[in-house]
Structures are given as structure tokens and as C-alpha cells.
Amino acid sequence: MAHLIQPLDTEDPLGPLPQEFAAIMRPELPSLIKEIGVEVTRAYPEYARLLDGPNGQALRVGVEQSLSSFVDLVAEPSASTTLRDDMCRRFGRFEAYEGRSMDTLQGAYRLGARVALRRAKKVGQSYHLSPTLMLSFADALFAYVDELESLSREGFLEVQSQSGEQSEALRRRLLHLILAGRPAPRSAIADLCEQTGWSLPDEVTLIAVRAPAGLDRHNADRDLLVDLSDPQPHLLVPGPLDEARRSMLEQALPATRAAIGLTVPTALACDSIRWARRVLELVDAGVIDDAPLIRCEDHLTTLWLLSDPALLDQLAQRELAAVAGISATRRNRLIETLRIWLDTRGTAAQMGELLDVHPQTVRYRMRSLESIFGDQLVVPESRFATEAVLRALRLRSRSADSPS
């Protein structure tokens, strides 16, 4: 293959690379990209972490775009660089979002250029290219890298020019769009992610915070989305709430009560915050015991049983219709006995201890219940509905008994 391409230059002074040089360079790109990736991640371990993260694929595409654009410009000097320019600005914005200076990115660009030049020397020997042509290549390559750095600096300075308040406003807007659910256009969310440097995760955990809320920013993770100015303050944690995240929240919300929603796909974030807020309501009602951080997952049955109070009233009216005509005192005793039986399926002696009555009294009540309810306590579906109603009513009674 080397002998099919003649030397492209003899002793001409430095100048633009001949367009034919692109045909030599292009086959080298796939392996060169891998080699540059290895060298850069070895020299800058922070990029190795990023390549393994959610932005890894975008970063790889950016590197490929930058190298391919150089070859395209050699083949056709008027080739468009729009995609490359946008990608370089994104790299600069990303460095600013990550809290780094431009030094690391500049170092990575220049290291990539040195790796490319090293490869070019080997290829030049194989194709018997003149020293003058190789000098032209080196001159064009480092000029190209200067252009990449300049574009990235534009993106870097763009982020730095935004005030802290502007950035927070954009992140709050992003949080609101995510919580809006499916009506929110994906393009709008993607644009805000781009502007704020926030990576859209596959899953999120929403936290409902009791007002007035305060957040210790020093102890809070940087990737939280927060709106404490809302009448119902809340924040979003990307991904599940593991022990490290929970510890972070305890330090970031030291004097604030909060409810941790379920971890859900990002598209269902509105459900997670709805459940978390409902838990706080049930805490206020005395149904759920208060604590600094309350997990929704510890109260799923309670959330379900009390999810629709009006429907519960209708269901209770239907399931307890058999005892509606009995005096209140006897009705309450029978219902309490029925609840204990459904909860425990215990013997008369065991139930008697729980009810603080004689076992014979339990037997008498059970015979009465069997006579009153009939098949309702035999058919599984009916028995389940009755048990669910009694559990829900007991939970709700905690609210009535709770001191106001």
C-alpha cells in the first residue's frame, strides 16, 4: 500500500497540506483515536472517570469529531466545522461546570496532538514523505489545536459569565420541567441540561421538605436540583438514595424535616414527589410518626390505603353495611373483634388477651360476626376488601386521636 502513493512533497517551503494527504491520514483515525484515549486518560485520570460515566459516549464522539474534522479540512479546506465548533464549546462549558480551569483540557488537547504527530512520523517514513511536508503537518496540527482551545475557551467563559443566581434559576427551571412529566418537551429538558451541565439520569429520588426549609450548600452534593422557595420545598437527587446520599442529606438539612420519595424512572418524578408530600401530610395528621428523614418505602401500605379518603368512605359503607343497623357500642366491639381476627387469625384465648376480654366473649362475638357477615368473611375477595377497609379506618383513627 505504501508504494502506491508517491511522495507528495519535495523541497517546497512550508504551506498548506496537499489535499491528497487526507487519503493517508484517514485510515489511521480509528486506531489513533484509541491511542490518544489511552494516553490522555493515563495522564489525566479525571477524564477516565468521565469516560466511564453517563457522558462517556458524548466525550468519545467529541474526540472523534475533532480528529475527523482535521482530516476533512485537509481534504476540503471549505468543509463545514459547525459540529466540531459546537462540540469544542461544549467541552469548555463542561470543564467550567466541573469546577476545573482550562489547564487540564488544554493539556489533553496538546497531548493528543503529540500522539498524532508521533503517529504521523511513522506514517511519513512508511510513505517516504519529505521532512518539509512533515513540518507542514506539524505546523497545521498545532495551529488546529490552538483553534480547538480557543473554541473551548469560548464555552468556558460563557459559563463563567453566568451569575450564580442565573445558574440556580436555570436549575430550578430544569427541576420544574422534570416534575411536569410527559407534557414537558424533551428538547427543553435537554437544552437546560446542556446550559447547566447537569446530566439527565435514568432514575431520580425526590425529597419533600417541610417549610420553612434551609439547605447547607457546603454539605450538599453539587448535582442536587433544589427549589426551597416553593410553598412546598423540594429537591431532586439523581439516582437512588444510598447510605452516602442519606448521610449527605442529614448534614445538608440539619434542622429540617423531610420525606424521601421512592426512586423512580426520571419520567415518573412527579409521582415520587407526590408520595413524599403525602407522607408529610400524614405526619402532620398524626398517622405516621415524625422523624428528621422519613422514607416513603417504609409506609407504602399506609399511602395506598389512605390515598383516596372519599373512596375509602364509600368502600367502608359497602363493606360494613351488615353492622350499620347495630347500636354504636356493640358495632364498635364487633368491628374491633373482627379486625383482631383478620390481623391474627388467632385462637379465642389469644384474641381475648389482645381485646382484654374472656375467651368465651370472643367466641360469642365471632359467632355473631359469622351470622351477620355470612359469606363475606369466607369469600377471599370479600374478606380482603373488608380487611383493607378496617386497616385503613384504624390508620385514619390515629389522625382523629392525635392531639392538634
Protein backbone atom coordinates (compact mmCIF):
# COMPACT_ATOMS: atom_id res chain seq x y z
CA MET A 1 0.00 0.00 0.00
CA ALA A 2 2.85 2.38 0.85
CA HIS A 3 4.30 2.11 -2.64
CA LEU A 4 1.03 3.09 -4.36
CA ILE A 5 1.22 6.66 -3.04
CA GLN A 6 4.13 8.73 -4.25
CA PRO A 7 5.84 11.36 -2.08
CA LEU A 8 3.61 14.41 -2.02
CA ASP A 9 6.30 16.99 -1.47
CA THR A 10 9.97 17.51 -2.20
CA GLU A 11 11.70 20.66 -1.02
CA ASP A 12 8.83 23.19 -1.09
CA PRO A 13 8.62 25.77 1.74
CA LEU A 14 6.05 25.34 4.50
CA GLY A 15 2.48 25.81 3.29
CA PRO A 16 -0.98 24.22 3.27
CA LEU A 17 -1.07 20.45 3.34
CA PRO A 18 -1.85 18.89 -0.05
CA GLN A 19 -5.38 17.51 -0.21
CA GLU A 20 -4.07 14.04 -1.08
CA PHE A 21 -2.57 13.85 2.40
CA ALA A 22 -6.10 13.19 3.75
CA ALA A 23 -6.13 9.81 1.99
CA ILE A 24 -3.07 8.78 4.02
CA MET A 25 -4.42 10.09 7.30
CA ARG A 26 -8.00 8.79 7.24
CA PRO A 27 -7.26 5.03 7.65
CA GLU A 28 -5.19 5.87 10.73
CA LEU A 29 -8.05 7.57 12.57
CA PRO A 30 -9.72 4.61 14.37
CA SER A 31 -6.54 3.30 15.97
CA LEU A 32 -5.21 6.84 16.55
CA ILE A 33 -8.36 7.77 18.46
CA LYS A 34 -7.90 4.75 20.74
CA GLU A 35 -4.23 5.56 21.29
CA ILE A 36 -4.99 9.17 22.18
CA GLY A 37 -7.71 7.98 24.57
CA VAL A 38 -5.26 5.72 26.37
CA GLU A 39 -2.59 8.40 26.67
CA VAL A 40 -4.97 11.15 27.80
CA THR A 41 -6.73 9.07 30.45
CA ARG A 42 -3.37 7.87 31.75
CA ALA A 43 -2.13 11.44 32.09
CA TYR A 44 -5.47 12.85 33.32
CA PRO A 45 -7.31 10.25 35.45
CA GLU A 46 -10.30 12.59 35.86
CA TYR A 47 -11.10 12.02 32.18
CA ALA A 48 -11.00 8.26 32.68
CA ARG A 49 -13.75 8.66 35.30
CA LEU A 50 -15.81 10.83 32.96
CA LEU A 51 -15.47 8.39 30.06
CA ASP A 52 -16.93 5.66 32.27
CA GLY A 53 -19.82 7.90 33.36
CA PRO A 54 -23.09 8.97 31.71
CA ASN A 55 -21.28 11.50 29.47
CA GLY A 56 -18.68 8.99 28.27
CA GLN A 57 -20.20 8.38 24.86
CA ALA A 58 -20.62 12.09 24.16
CA LEU A 59 -16.97 12.70 25.05
CA ARG A 60 -15.81 9.93 22.71
CA VAL A 61 -17.91 11.35 19.89
CA GLY A 62 -16.37 14.75 20.54
CA VAL A 63 -12.83 13.42 20.27
CA GLU A 64 -13.68 11.58 17.06
CA GLN A 65 -15.34 14.70 15.65
CA SER A 66 -12.30 16.84 16.38
CA LEU A 67 -9.87 14.45 14.68
CA SER A 68 -12.14 13.71 11.73
CA SER A 69 -12.69 17.43 11.15
CA PHE A 70 -8.93 17.98 10.80
CA VAL A 71 -8.75 15.35 8.08
CA ASP A 72 -11.88 16.73 6.40
CA LEU A 73 -10.32 20.20 6.27
CA VAL A 74 -7.18 18.80 4.64
CA ALA A 75 -9.32 17.04 2.02
CA GLU A 76 -11.61 20.04 1.54
CA PRO A 77 -10.49 23.33 3.15
CA SER A 78 -14.02 24.75 2.82
CA ALA A 79 -15.61 21.85 4.78
CA SER A 80 -18.05 22.88 7.49
CA THR A 81 -16.78 22.88 11.07
CA THR A 82 -20.12 23.64 12.73
CA LEU A 83 -20.38 20.32 14.57
CA ARG A 84 -16.76 20.47 15.67
CA ASP A 85 -17.09 24.05 16.88
CA ASP A 86 -20.19 23.23 18.92
CA MET A 87 -18.51 20.18 20.44
CA CYS A 88 -15.43 22.14 21.47
CA ARG A 89 -17.54 24.80 23.13
CA ARG A 90 -19.37 22.05 24.99
CA PHE A 91 -16.05 20.70 26.24
CA GLY A 92 -15.22 24.15 27.60
CA ARG A 93 -18.62 24.51 29.26
CA PHE A 94 -18.26 21.09 30.81
CA GLU A 95 -14.88 21.99 32.32
CA ALA A 96 -16.45 25.07 33.89
CA TYR A 97 -19.38 23.08 35.25
CA GLU A 98 -16.95 20.57 36.76
CA GLY A 99 -15.13 23.37 38.55
CA ARG A 100 -11.82 22.92 36.71
CA SER A 101 -9.68 25.50 34.97
CA MET A 102 -8.89 25.30 31.25
CA ASP A 103 -5.41 23.95 32.02
CA THR A 104 -6.48 20.31 32.09
CA LEU A 105 -8.37 20.49 28.79
CA GLN A 106 -5.52 22.38 27.12
CA GLY A 107 -3.09 19.76 28.35
CA ALA A 108 -5.28 16.99 26.95
CA TYR A 109 -5.52 18.75 23.56
CA ARG A 110 -1.77 19.16 23.33
CA LEU A 111 -1.06 15.64 24.46
CA GLY A 112 -3.41 14.40 21.75
CA ALA A 113 -1.52 16.50 19.21
CA ARG A 114 1.80 14.99 20.30
CA VAL A 115 0.40 11.47 19.94
CA ALA A 116 -0.91 12.35 16.48
CA LEU A 117 2.45 13.82 15.47
CA ARG A 118 4.23 10.69 16.70
CA ARG A 119 1.94 8.57 14.54
CA ALA A 120 2.47 10.91 11.56
CA LYS A 121 6.23 10.43 11.75
CA LYS A 122 5.82 6.65 11.48
CA VAL A 123 3.38 7.00 8.60
CA GLY A 124 5.68 9.54 6.93
CA GLN A 125 8.56 7.10 6.99
CA SER A 126 6.33 4.39 5.52
CA TYR A 127 5.23 6.65 2.67
CA HIS A 128 8.65 8.30 2.22
CA LEU A 129 7.23 11.76 2.87
CA SER A 130 9.66 14.67 2.85
CA PRO A 131 10.76 16.48 6.03
CA THR A 132 9.21 19.68 4.67
CA LEU A 133 5.80 18.02 4.37
CA MET A 134 6.09 16.64 7.90
CA LEU A 135 6.94 20.12 9.19
CA SER A 136 3.87 21.44 7.37
CA PHE A 137 1.80 18.75 9.03
CA ALA A 138 3.12 19.64 12.48
CA ASP A 139 2.54 23.34 11.85
CA ALA A 140 -1.04 22.72 10.67
CA LEU A 141 -1.76 20.33 13.53
CA PHE A 142 -0.70 22.68 16.31
CA ALA A 143 -2.49 25.59 14.65
CA TYR A 144 -5.59 23.39 14.58
CA VAL A 145 -5.17 22.59 18.28
CA ASP A 146 -4.91 26.30 19.04
CA GLU A 147 -8.24 26.72 17.26
CA LEU A 148 -9.82 23.92 19.33
CA GLU A 149 -8.56 25.51 22.54
CA SER A 150 -9.93 28.89 21.50
CA LEU A 151 -13.37 27.41 20.83
CA SER A 152 -13.39 25.57 24.15
CA ARG A 153 -12.38 28.74 25.96
CA GLU A 154 -15.44 30.44 24.47
CA GLY A 155 -17.67 27.83 26.09
CA PHE A 156 -15.72 28.01 29.33
CA LEU A 157 -16.06 31.80 29.58
CA GLU A 158 -19.74 31.59 28.62
CA VAL A 159 -20.44 29.58 31.76
CA GLN A 160 -18.24 31.75 33.93
CA SER A 161 -20.09 34.84 32.77
CA GLN A 162 -23.35 33.48 34.16
CA SER A 163 -24.01 34.66 37.69
CA GLY A 164 -24.74 32.20 40.46
CA GLU A 165 -28.33 33.39 40.57
CA GLN A 166 -28.80 32.79 36.85
CA SER A 167 -27.41 29.29 37.17
CA GLU A 168 -29.69 28.49 40.10
CA ALA A 169 -32.70 29.84 38.20
CA LEU A 170 -31.90 27.57 35.26
CA ARG A 171 -31.55 24.56 37.56
CA ARG A 172 -34.88 25.34 39.22
CA ARG A 173 -36.47 25.61 35.78
CA LEU A 174 -34.98 22.23 34.91
CA LEU A 175 -36.39 20.73 38.11
CA HIS A 176 -39.85 22.11 37.33
CA LEU A 177 -39.76 20.68 33.80
CA ILE A 178 -38.76 17.25 35.07
CA LEU A 179 -41.61 17.31 37.59
CA ALA A 180 -44.04 18.39 34.89
CA GLY A 181 -43.82 14.88 33.48
CA ARG A 182 -44.54 13.86 29.91
CA PRO A 183 -46.09 17.16 28.72
CA ALA A 184 -42.66 18.81 29.04
CA PRO A 185 -40.80 18.71 25.70
CA ARG A 186 -37.68 16.57 25.86
CA SER A 187 -35.80 19.15 23.82
CA ALA A 188 -36.41 21.80 26.51
CA ILE A 189 -35.05 19.49 29.20
CA ALA A 190 -32.05 18.63 27.04
CA ASP A 191 -31.32 22.31 26.42
CA LEU A 192 -31.41 23.11 30.14
CA CYS A 193 -29.18 20.11 30.90
CA GLU A 194 -26.73 21.49 28.37
CA GLN A 195 -26.86 25.01 29.82
CA THR A 196 -26.45 23.87 33.42
CA GLY A 197 -24.04 21.00 32.89
CA TRP A 198 -26.46 18.61 34.59
CA SER A 199 -26.62 15.03 33.29
CA LEU A 200 -30.15 13.64 32.99
CA PRO A 201 -30.15 10.35 34.97
CA ASP A 202 -32.24 7.25 34.29
CA GLU A 203 -33.69 7.37 37.81
CA VAL A 204 -34.32 10.05 40.42
CA THR A 205 -35.38 10.31 44.05
CA LEU A 206 -37.48 13.29 45.11
CA ILE A 207 -37.39 14.77 48.60
CA ALA A 208 -40.28 16.77 50.06
CA VAL A 209 -39.06 19.28 52.65
CA ARG A 210 -41.12 20.89 55.37
CA ALA A 211 -41.27 24.69 55.14
CA PRO A 212 -39.51 26.84 56.11
CA ALA A 213 -36.57 24.94 54.67
CA GLY A 214 -32.86 25.63 54.78
CA LEU A 215 -30.09 23.85 52.90
CA ASP A 216 -26.44 23.81 53.92
CA ARG A 217 -24.89 24.21 50.46
CA HIS A 218 -21.44 23.35 51.78
CA ASN A 219 -22.58 19.84 52.70
CA ALA A 220 -24.97 19.33 49.77
CA ASP A 221 -23.90 17.39 46.68
CA ARG A 222 -23.47 19.61 43.64
CA ASP A 223 -25.75 17.52 41.42
CA LEU A 224 -28.88 18.15 43.52
CA LEU A 225 -31.68 20.12 41.92
CA VAL A 226 -33.27 22.31 44.59
CA ASP A 227 -36.25 24.62 44.98
CA LEU A 228 -36.68 25.76 48.56
CA SER A 229 -38.56 28.91 47.54
CA ASP A 230 -41.62 26.88 46.52
CA PRO A 231 -44.53 26.83 49.02
CA GLN A 232 -43.83 23.09 49.15
CA PRO A 233 -40.00 22.99 49.12
CA HIS A 234 -38.42 20.03 47.40
CA LEU A 235 -35.22 18.73 45.90
CA LEU A 236 -34.15 16.04 43.46
CA VAL A 237 -31.38 13.51 43.96
CA PRO A 238 -30.08 11.82 40.78
CA GLY A 239 -30.34 8.04 41.13
CA PRO A 240 -31.20 6.07 44.26
CA LEU A 241 -30.70 7.37 47.78
CA ASP A 242 -27.90 5.15 49.08
CA GLU A 243 -26.30 5.49 52.51
CA ALA A 244 -23.82 8.11 51.30
CA ARG A 245 -26.60 10.24 49.88
CA ARG A 246 -28.69 9.79 53.02
CA SER A 247 -25.78 10.91 55.19
CA MET A 248 -25.31 13.91 52.92
CA LEU A 249 -28.96 14.89 53.32
CA GLU A 250 -28.77 14.61 57.09
CA GLN A 251 -25.88 17.11 57.05
CA ALA A 252 -27.34 19.37 54.36
CA LEU A 253 -30.78 19.54 56.06
CA PRO A 254 -29.69 19.63 59.72
CA ALA A 255 -32.76 21.38 61.14
CA THR A 256 -35.39 20.43 58.58
CA ARG A 257 -37.91 17.59 58.42
CA ALA A 258 -38.11 15.83 55.06
CA ALA A 259 -39.76 12.85 53.38
CA ILE A 260 -37.82 10.72 50.91
CA GLY A 261 -39.86 9.67 47.89
CA LEU A 262 -39.40 6.43 46.01
CA THR A 263 -36.64 6.08 43.42
CA VAL A 264 -38.41 6.09 40.05
CA PRO A 265 -37.61 6.48 36.35
CA THR A 266 -36.99 10.17 35.66
CA ALA A 267 -40.19 10.43 33.62
CA LEU A 268 -42.16 9.50 36.78
CA ALA A 269 -40.51 12.06 39.08
CA CYS A 270 -43.87 13.73 39.73
CA ASP A 271 -45.11 10.51 41.39
CA SER A 272 -42.13 10.38 43.73
CA ILE A 273 -42.66 13.94 44.99
CA ARG A 274 -46.42 13.40 45.28
CA TRP A 275 -45.91 10.40 47.56
CA ALA A 276 -43.28 12.23 49.61
CA ARG A 277 -45.58 15.20 50.15
CA ARG A 278 -48.42 12.87 51.13
CA VAL A 279 -46.17 11.31 53.78
CA LEU A 280 -45.56 14.76 55.28
CA GLU A 281 -49.33 15.34 55.33
CA LEU A 282 -49.84 12.05 57.16
CA VAL A 283 -47.12 13.01 59.64
CA ASP A 284 -48.95 16.27 60.29
CA ALA A 285 -52.18 14.29 60.73
CA GLY A 286 -50.53 12.02 63.29
CA VAL A 287 -50.92 8.90 61.14
CA ILE A 288 -47.16 8.48 60.57
CA ASP A 289 -44.62 9.10 63.33
CA ASP A 290 -42.41 12.12 62.79
CA ALA A 291 -38.64 11.86 62.19
CA PRO A 292 -35.92 14.01 60.58
CA LEU A 293 -35.90 11.88 57.41
CA ILE A 294 -38.91 9.67 56.68
CA ARG A 295 -38.78 7.12 53.86
CA CYS A 296 -41.87 6.60 51.75
CA GLU A 297 -40.87 2.99 51.21
CA ASP A 298 -41.49 2.33 54.92
CA HIS A 299 -45.12 3.47 54.59
CA LEU A 300 -46.32 2.18 51.22
CA THR A 301 -49.34 0.32 52.59
CA THR A 302 -50.42 3.38 54.56
CA LEU A 303 -50.06 5.56 51.46
CA TRP A 304 -52.13 3.12 49.45
CA LEU A 305 -54.90 2.61 51.99
CA LEU A 306 -55.30 6.36 52.59
CA SER A 307 -54.73 7.50 49.01
CA ASP A 308 -58.39 8.41 48.41
CA PRO A 309 -60.36 9.35 51.57
CA ALA A 310 -63.67 9.75 49.72
CA LEU A 311 -63.32 6.35 48.11
CA LEU A 312 -62.45 4.84 51.50
CA ASP A 313 -65.71 6.22 52.89
CA GLN A 314 -67.66 4.61 50.07
CA LEU A 315 -65.86 1.29 50.47
CA ALA A 316 -66.34 1.29 54.24
CA GLN A 317 -70.06 1.99 53.81
CA ARG A 318 -70.34 -1.03 51.49
CA GLU A 319 -68.13 -3.47 53.38
CA LEU A 320 -69.56 -2.64 56.82
CA ALA A 321 -73.18 -2.35 55.73
CA ALA A 322 -74.02 -5.56 57.63
CA VAL A 323 -73.43 -3.86 61.02
CA ALA A 324 -74.84 -0.45 60.10
CA GLY A 325 -78.11 -1.09 61.96
CA ILE A 326 -76.50 -2.22 65.21
CA SER A 327 -76.01 0.13 68.15
CA ALA A 328 -72.74 2.07 68.11
CA THR A 329 -71.30 0.40 71.21
CA ARG A 330 -71.96 -3.17 70.02
CA ARG A 331 -70.91 -2.31 66.48
CA ASN A 332 -67.55 -0.98 67.67
CA ARG A 333 -66.92 -4.10 69.76
CA LEU A 334 -67.77 -6.42 66.87
CA ILE A 335 -65.64 -4.47 64.39
CA GLU A 336 -62.67 -4.44 66.77
CA THR A 337 -63.00 -8.19 67.27
CA LEU A 338 -63.25 -8.72 63.52
CA ARG A 339 -60.15 -6.59 62.95
CA ILE A 340 -58.14 -8.57 65.50
CA TRP A 341 -59.27 -11.85 63.94
CA LEU A 342 -58.34 -10.69 60.42
CA ASP A 343 -54.98 -9.43 61.69
CA THR A 344 -54.03 -12.52 63.70
CA ARG A 345 -56.28 -15.47 62.78
CA GLY A 346 -55.62 -16.28 66.44
CA THR A 347 -57.41 -18.53 68.90
CA ALA A 348 -60.11 -17.24 71.21
CA ALA A 349 -57.59 -17.18 74.05
CA GLN A 350 -55.03 -15.19 72.03
CA MET A 351 -57.64 -12.74 70.80
CA GLY A 352 -59.04 -12.40 74.31
CA GLU A 353 -55.67 -11.22 75.58
CA LEU A 354 -55.46 -8.59 72.84
CA LEU A 355 -59.05 -7.44 73.42
CA ASP A 356 -58.82 -7.75 77.22
CA VAL A 357 -61.95 -9.93 77.36
CA HIS A 358 -62.70 -13.55 78.27
CA PRO A 359 -62.18 -16.15 75.51
CA GLN A 360 -65.85 -17.08 75.80
CA THR A 361 -66.75 -13.49 74.93
CA VAL A 362 -64.56 -13.76 71.85
CA ARG A 363 -66.35 -16.95 70.78
CA TYR A 364 -69.72 -15.29 71.23
CA ARG A 365 -68.68 -12.29 69.15
CA MET A 366 -67.22 -14.49 66.43
CA ARG A 367 -70.47 -16.44 66.14
CA SER A 368 -72.31 -13.13 65.88
CA LEU A 369 -69.92 -11.93 63.17
CA GLU A 370 -70.32 -15.14 61.17
CA SER A 371 -74.06 -14.77 61.40
CA ILE A 372 -74.04 -11.09 60.43
CA PHE A 373 -71.45 -11.13 57.62
CA GLY A 374 -72.06 -14.64 56.28
CA ASP A 375 -70.07 -15.41 53.13
CA GLN A 376 -68.37 -12.00 53.25
CA LEU A 377 -65.84 -13.49 55.66
CA VAL A 378 -65.46 -16.68 53.62
CA VAL A 379 -65.01 -15.48 50.04
CA PRO A 380 -61.33 -14.38 49.73
CA GLU A 381 -62.02 -11.25 47.64
CA SER A 382 -64.71 -10.01 50.02
CA ARG A 383 -62.66 -10.84 53.10
CA PHE A 384 -59.65 -8.95 51.67
CA ALA A 385 -61.76 -5.85 50.95
CA THR A 386 -63.16 -5.92 54.49
CA GLU A 387 -59.69 -6.29 55.98
CA ALA A 388 -58.32 -3.42 53.85
CA VAL A 389 -61.17 -1.15 54.98
CA LEU A 390 -60.62 -1.97 58.66
CA ARG A 391 -56.89 -1.34 58.39
CA ALA A 392 -57.46 1.98 56.65
CA LEU A 393 -60.05 3.08 59.19
CA ARG A 394 -57.70 2.22 62.02
CA LEU A 395 -54.91 4.26 60.41
CA ARG A 396 -57.27 7.17 59.94
CA SER A 397 -58.39 6.92 63.54
CA ARG A 398 -54.82 7.75 64.56
CA SER A 399 -55.38 11.14 62.96
CA ALA A 400 -58.55 11.70 64.99
CA ASP A 401 -56.82 10.61 68.18
CA SER A 402 -53.75 12.74 67.53
CA PRO A 403 -53.54 15.96 69.54
CA SER A 404 -54.00 19.01 67.35
